[in-house]
Amino acid sequence: MPAGRIYQDTELAIDQLLSLTEAASHYLMRVLRVQSGDGVVIFNGTGGEYQATIEALSKRCVTVRLVEFHHVDSESPLELELGQSLLRGDKMDWVIQKAVELGVSVITPLLTERVTVKLQPDRLQKRLHHWQGVAISACEQSGRCVVPVVRCPVDVSVWVKSSKTPGFIASPQAEGSLPKTINSTQARVLIGPEGGLSSKDIEHCQSDVWYQFSMGPRILRTETAAISVMTIMQMQWGDLH
C-alpha cells in the first residue's frame, strides 16, 4: 500500500526519476517515515496519478521513480463553483479544505457587504498561495487528481454577473427547497460571511439564473451552510448517492 499521495507541479512520465520538493521530501521522511523501496503516489493536478517507488533518500530530498500510470477519475459530474465570502481566521482554510473534499471545481473568495476581513494588496498574493496550498493538501488527502483553482477575491456584484451558470443562495427568507426541476451539469453557490448576506448582496442576484432556497428553520454558521449546501447539490446533481 502506498505510503501517501504527493502533489508535484511538474510534467510526469513513466520511468521518470523525480526529485521531490523539499517540503514533500520532509513530509515523507519526517512525518511518514518512508524507507527506500516504499511506494508512494505522485500526481500533478492534471488528471490521473502515478505509482512510484522511492529510489533514494538524502538529508533534504527524496527521489522516486514513476512506475505505472493510473487513470483515476474522482471528479464529480457536477462542475460546481463556490463563491465564499471572506471569513476570519482559519475558517476560510476549513471551508476550502471541505469544499475540495466535496468535489468543487473552483473556489472564488468574495467581498460582500458584511465582510470584515481586510486583505492588503501586499498580502494578497501570499494569501492566495496559502489557499491554493490548502486545496492541494485536500486533494492529496481525498484522492482527487485534479486540483481546483482558488481565484483572486472579487466583489460579489462582479462575480454574479461574470457567468450565466445557474446560481443558488441558501436564504432564511426563502420558502422553497432546492429546485429539483433544474437539470444542470454546472452550478454556482453563494455563501455569505459571518454576518450573513445583506439585502444589497442578494439584490445583485435578482436574475433568472439565480435561485433562492431554504435550508430549514435553523440559522447555520457560514461554514456549516457552505458544507451543507455543497453536500445537497452533490447529492442532487453530482456523485453523492
Protein backbone atom coordinates (compact mmCIF):
# COMPACT_ATOMS: atom_id res chain seq x y z
CA MET A 1 0.00 0.00 0.00
CA PRO A 2 1.42 3.44 -0.93
CA ALA A 3 2.75 5.50 1.97
CA GLY A 4 0.95 8.61 0.79
CA ARG A 5 -0.16 10.84 -2.09
CA ILE A 6 2.12 13.69 -3.11
CA TYR A 7 1.39 16.59 -5.46
CA GLN A 8 4.22 17.83 -7.67
CA ASP A 9 3.84 20.79 -10.02
CA THR A 10 5.78 19.36 -12.95
CA GLU A 11 5.36 17.16 -16.00
CA LEU A 12 5.34 13.45 -15.22
CA ALA A 13 6.11 10.33 -17.28
CA ILE A 14 6.55 6.61 -16.72
CA ASP A 15 10.12 5.56 -15.75
CA GLN A 16 10.99 9.15 -14.85
CA LEU A 17 13.34 9.77 -11.92
CA LEU A 18 11.87 12.65 -9.94
CA SER A 19 13.46 14.60 -7.11
CA LEU A 20 10.61 15.78 -4.89
CA THR A 21 10.38 19.28 -3.48
CA GLU A 22 11.94 19.94 -0.09
CA ALA A 23 8.51 20.23 1.56
CA ALA A 24 7.28 16.94 0.09
CA SER A 25 10.55 15.23 0.98
CA HIS A 26 10.36 16.48 4.56
CA TYR A 27 6.79 15.18 4.86
CA LEU A 28 7.69 11.74 3.57
CA MET A 29 10.87 11.38 5.63
CA ARG A 30 9.94 13.09 8.91
CA VAL A 31 6.18 12.50 9.11
CA LEU A 32 5.52 9.26 7.21
CA ARG A 33 8.99 7.83 7.94
CA VAL A 34 9.33 6.22 4.50
CA GLN A 35 12.23 3.99 3.51
CA SER A 36 13.92 3.20 0.22
CA GLY A 37 11.73 0.84 -1.78
CA ASP A 38 8.46 2.10 -0.31
CA GLY A 39 5.64 3.04 -2.66
CA VAL A 40 4.06 6.48 -3.00
CA VAL A 41 1.51 8.02 -5.35
CA ILE A 42 2.50 11.12 -7.34
CA PHE A 43 0.10 13.40 -9.22
CA ASN A 44 0.40 16.83 -10.83
CA GLY A 45 -3.22 18.00 -10.81
CA THR A 46 -3.97 17.47 -14.49
CA GLY A 47 -5.72 14.11 -14.08
CA GLY A 48 -4.61 10.61 -13.17
CA GLU A 49 -1.79 9.55 -10.87
CA TYR A 50 1.46 7.61 -10.90
CA GLN A 51 2.52 4.72 -8.73
CA ALA A 52 6.11 5.46 -7.72
CA THR A 53 8.89 3.75 -5.80
CA ILE A 54 11.32 5.56 -3.54
CA GLU A 55 14.78 5.20 -5.04
CA ALA A 56 16.89 7.31 -2.71
CA LEU A 57 16.72 9.47 0.40
CA SER A 58 19.15 12.23 1.29
CA LYS A 59 19.09 14.81 4.04
CA ARG A 60 16.63 17.11 2.26
CA CYS A 61 15.48 15.23 -0.84
CA VAL A 62 13.53 12.12 -1.74
CA THR A 63 13.98 10.71 -5.24
CA VAL A 64 11.29 8.48 -6.71
CA ARG A 65 10.84 6.52 -9.93
CA LEU A 66 7.44 6.70 -11.63
CA VAL A 67 6.50 3.10 -12.35
CA GLU A 68 2.91 2.99 -13.55
CA PHE A 69 0.17 5.44 -14.56
CA HIS A 70 -3.40 5.02 -13.32
CA HIS A 71 -6.32 6.85 -14.90
CA VAL A 72 -8.24 7.76 -11.76
CA ASP A 73 -11.44 9.75 -12.28
CA SER A 74 -12.66 11.02 -8.93
CA GLU A 75 -14.20 14.21 -10.32
CA SER A 76 -17.89 14.93 -9.89
CA PRO A 77 -20.12 15.20 -12.98
CA LEU A 78 -21.33 18.47 -11.43
CA GLU A 79 -18.98 21.35 -12.19
CA LEU A 80 -19.56 23.36 -9.02
CA GLU A 81 -18.11 26.76 -8.16
CA LEU A 82 -18.17 28.00 -4.58
CA GLY A 83 -18.44 31.74 -4.08
CA GLN A 84 -17.44 32.06 -0.44
CA SER A 85 -17.49 35.42 1.30
CA LEU A 86 -14.16 36.05 3.01
CA LEU A 87 -14.02 34.64 6.54
CA ARG A 88 -11.91 35.46 9.58
CA GLY A 89 -9.08 33.34 10.93
CA ASP A 90 -8.76 29.74 9.84
CA LYS A 91 -12.43 29.42 8.87
CA MET A 92 -11.56 30.19 5.24
CA ASP A 93 -8.97 27.42 5.22
CA TRP A 94 -11.51 24.99 6.68
CA VAL A 95 -14.17 25.81 4.09
CA ILE A 96 -11.66 25.49 1.22
CA GLN A 97 -10.50 22.12 2.54
CA LYS A 98 -14.02 20.74 2.86
CA ALA A 99 -15.10 22.20 -0.48
CA VAL A 100 -12.28 20.33 -2.23
CA GLU A 101 -13.23 17.12 -0.41
CA LEU A 102 -16.80 17.62 -1.63
CA GLY A 103 -15.72 17.96 -5.26
CA VAL A 104 -15.92 21.65 -6.13
CA SER A 105 -14.14 22.76 -9.29
CA VAL A 106 -13.50 26.43 -8.49
CA ILE A 107 -13.42 28.48 -5.29
CA THR A 108 -13.80 32.24 -5.50
CA PRO A 109 -13.38 34.33 -2.32
CA LEU A 110 -15.94 37.15 -2.37
CA LEU A 111 -16.14 40.66 -0.98
CA THR A 112 -19.69 41.10 0.31
CA GLU A 113 -21.15 44.00 2.29
CA ARG A 114 -20.65 42.47 5.74
CA VAL A 115 -17.18 41.03 5.19
CA THR A 116 -14.84 42.21 7.95
CA VAL A 117 -11.60 40.77 6.55
CA LYS A 118 -9.30 43.39 5.03
CA LEU A 119 -6.75 41.95 2.60
CA GLN A 120 -3.96 44.42 1.91
CA PRO A 121 -2.53 44.32 -1.64
CA ASP A 122 0.92 43.35 -0.37
CA ARG A 123 -0.53 40.30 1.42
CA LEU A 124 -2.95 39.17 -1.29
CA GLN A 125 -0.55 37.00 -3.31
CA LYS A 126 0.75 35.36 -0.15
CA ARG A 127 -2.81 34.58 0.93
CA LEU A 128 -3.75 33.20 -2.49
CA HIS A 129 -0.67 30.96 -2.43
CA HIS A 130 -1.67 29.74 1.02
CA TRP A 131 -5.27 28.98 -0.03
CA GLN A 132 -4.10 27.11 -3.13
CA GLY A 133 -1.82 25.08 -0.87
CA VAL A 134 -4.80 24.20 1.31
CA ALA A 135 -6.63 22.99 -1.81
CA ILE A 136 -3.63 20.89 -2.88
CA SER A 137 -3.34 19.28 0.55
CA ALA A 138 -7.05 18.45 0.45
CA CYS A 139 -6.56 16.77 -2.95
CA GLU A 140 -3.69 14.71 -1.55
CA GLN A 141 -5.89 13.55 1.32
CA SER A 142 -9.14 12.98 -0.58
CA GLY A 143 -7.79 11.12 -3.61
CA ARG A 144 -8.56 13.82 -6.17
CA CYS A 145 -6.24 14.09 -9.16
CA VAL A 146 -7.44 17.46 -10.47
CA VAL A 147 -6.67 20.45 -8.27
CA PRO A 148 -9.46 23.07 -8.00
CA VAL A 149 -8.47 26.67 -8.67
CA VAL A 150 -8.71 29.25 -5.88
CA ARG A 151 -9.31 32.54 -7.66
CA CYS A 152 -8.45 36.08 -6.65
CA PRO A 153 -11.08 37.72 -4.39
CA VAL A 154 -13.65 39.83 -6.25
CA ASP A 155 -16.69 41.89 -5.35
CA VAL A 156 -19.87 39.85 -5.27
CA SER A 157 -21.53 42.16 -7.82
CA VAL A 158 -18.78 41.38 -10.34
CA TRP A 159 -18.82 37.64 -9.63
CA VAL A 160 -22.59 37.30 -10.01
CA LYS A 161 -22.52 38.95 -13.45
CA SER A 162 -19.47 37.04 -14.70
CA SER A 163 -21.36 33.89 -15.72
CA LYS A 164 -24.77 32.65 -16.86
CA THR A 165 -24.30 29.38 -14.97
CA PRO A 166 -27.27 28.64 -12.64
CA GLY A 167 -26.60 30.09 -9.20
CA PHE A 168 -28.05 29.21 -5.80
CA ILE A 169 -28.37 31.06 -2.49
CA ALA A 170 -29.48 29.49 0.78
CA SER A 171 -31.57 32.20 2.41
CA PRO A 172 -33.53 32.25 5.71
CA GLN A 173 -36.17 34.33 3.91
CA ALA A 174 -36.72 31.78 1.14
CA GLU A 175 -39.70 29.44 1.37
CA GLY A 176 -38.98 26.60 -1.02
CA SER A 177 -36.31 23.90 -1.07
CA LEU A 178 -33.57 23.46 -3.67
CA PRO A 179 -35.29 23.30 -7.08
CA LYS A 180 -35.42 19.73 -8.36
CA THR A 181 -36.63 20.66 -11.83
CA ILE A 182 -33.29 22.20 -12.83
CA ASN A 183 -31.08 19.67 -14.57
CA SER A 184 -27.61 21.15 -14.73
CA THR A 185 -24.04 19.89 -15.01
CA GLN A 186 -22.80 23.31 -13.87
CA ALA A 187 -23.76 25.37 -10.84
CA ARG A 188 -22.55 28.15 -8.59
CA VAL A 189 -23.38 28.63 -4.93
CA LEU A 190 -23.09 31.90 -2.99
CA ILE A 191 -22.30 31.72 0.74
CA GLY A 192 -22.31 34.79 2.97
CA PRO A 193 -19.87 35.85 5.71
CA GLU A 194 -20.31 35.55 9.49
CA GLY A 195 -22.95 38.29 9.48
CA GLY A 196 -24.84 36.84 6.53
CA LEU A 197 -25.64 38.29 3.13
CA SER A 198 -27.17 41.76 3.12
CA SER A 199 -30.22 42.73 1.09
CA LYS A 200 -27.83 44.63 -1.21
CA ASP A 201 -25.79 41.46 -1.80
CA ILE A 202 -28.93 39.49 -2.64
CA GLU A 203 -30.17 42.26 -4.97
CA HIS A 204 -27.20 41.52 -7.22
CA CYS A 205 -28.68 38.04 -7.75
CA GLN A 206 -32.09 39.17 -8.99
CA SER A 207 -31.97 37.42 -12.36
CA ASP A 208 -33.49 34.37 -13.97
CA VAL A 209 -30.32 32.28 -13.41
CA TRP A 210 -30.26 32.74 -9.62
CA TYR A 211 -32.44 30.73 -7.23
CA GLN A 212 -33.02 31.19 -3.50
CA PHE A 213 -33.95 28.24 -1.32
CA SER A 214 -34.41 27.46 2.35
CA MET A 215 -32.13 25.31 4.49
CA GLY A 216 -34.77 24.88 7.19
CA PRO A 217 -35.85 26.78 10.31
CA ARG A 218 -32.43 26.96 11.99
CA ILE A 219 -29.76 29.59 11.40
CA LEU A 220 -26.50 27.98 10.26
CA ARG A 221 -22.98 29.26 10.69
CA THR A 222 -21.43 30.27 7.38
CA GLU A 223 -19.04 27.30 7.34
CA THR A 224 -21.90 24.91 8.18
CA ALA A 225 -24.03 26.41 5.42
CA ALA A 226 -21.24 26.02 2.86
CA ILE A 227 -20.72 22.33 3.62
CA SER A 228 -24.45 21.62 3.81
CA VAL A 229 -25.30 23.30 0.51
CA MET A 230 -22.43 21.65 -1.38
CA THR A 231 -23.41 18.25 0.01
CA ILE A 232 -27.06 18.68 -1.01
CA MET A 233 -26.07 19.80 -4.52
CA GLN A 234 -23.69 16.88 -4.99
CA MET A 235 -26.45 14.52 -3.85
CA GLN A 236 -28.92 16.03 -6.31
CA TRP A 237 -26.73 16.56 -9.38
CA GLY A 238 -23.31 15.15 -8.56
CA ASP A 239 -21.89 11.84 -7.37
CA LEU A 240 -23.05 11.58 -3.73
CA HIS A 241 -25.76 8.94 -3.75
